[in-house]
Amino acid sequence: MESYIKMLDYLNTHELDSSYARIIIYLIKHINNVPKLSITELANECFVSNATVSRFARFFQYENFQSLKKELTLPSQYKPEFNFRMNSKSVDLITDNPKEFLKKYSQAIINSIEDVSENIDIEKVDKILTLINKQKKLFLFGSPSSLNLLQEIQHGFFISGSVIYTGETIADFERLTNYIDSQSFVIVLSSFGNFLSENTKLMNAIINMDCETCFITQHTENLISTSFDHIISVTKRNYIEAGSYPTILFCEYFVRRYFSLFRKK
């Protein structure tokens, strides 16, 4: 899905009448017709050549136009619980009684936030922050969908006078592994653990390095996480319906606490 996200990022950062932007806009607006769309039809609709469409596919790391079509149609095939963390009852409720759905959804978020505030081990977090402060190089890994949160953490460490390296794509993270050594501390952030399961090669490489590692998650049943030196489960139970609110709350506390302890005065 990283290539799909990259397409949206391109749309947000380039002229809307550029060739690639026109192709992206057309594909999104006609997503239901993509499986039957030929490269010639797409080229004609976007006023570009077939060669431009082929270059477009390769630019966004698809093997060819067929691979592009296959991935673009995947999100629409997912069940609501994958896209929006909603089961069939929730879908029926928001359809028939949106006010009641909003009330229950809000309460789920409130419950998850209260879990964070009541159950985080402050002493354990402080010990991890102390270890982080002692290391010469800090790295932060997470999924492209968590980019805003990764950058917020990086900004928080910057204000504290510390540099933490992160990236925007898997390629960025793979590049960063070349700089990890025994004096490094690596933080991996994944609300539901998907980043671990989708990037096992990268995670195994980090875990096998001679460095300190910490995994931050709200998914309390992720078995892969046991390979990390430190694990912070921001909630005691899973709150799938609440999304990443618990992780966001904890990370905001995390950088503020680091600032209070170790800021450069």
Foldseek 3Di string as FASTA:
>chain_A
DQLLVVLVVCLVPDDCLDLSNLLSVVCVVPVVCLVVDDLCNSCVVSVHDSVVQQVSCVVSPHPGSNSVSVVSNVVVPDDCCVVQVDDPVLVVCCVPPVVVSVVVLVVLLVVLQVQLVVDFDPVVLVVVLVLQVQFPAAEEEEALVCVVLVVVLQVLVVQLVHGYDYDNHVVSLVVCLVVDALRYEYEYEDAACPVCVVPVVSVVSVLPHNYAYEYEYCRPPDPVRVSHPYYTNSGPHDSSNNPCSSVSVVSVVSSVVSSVPRRDD
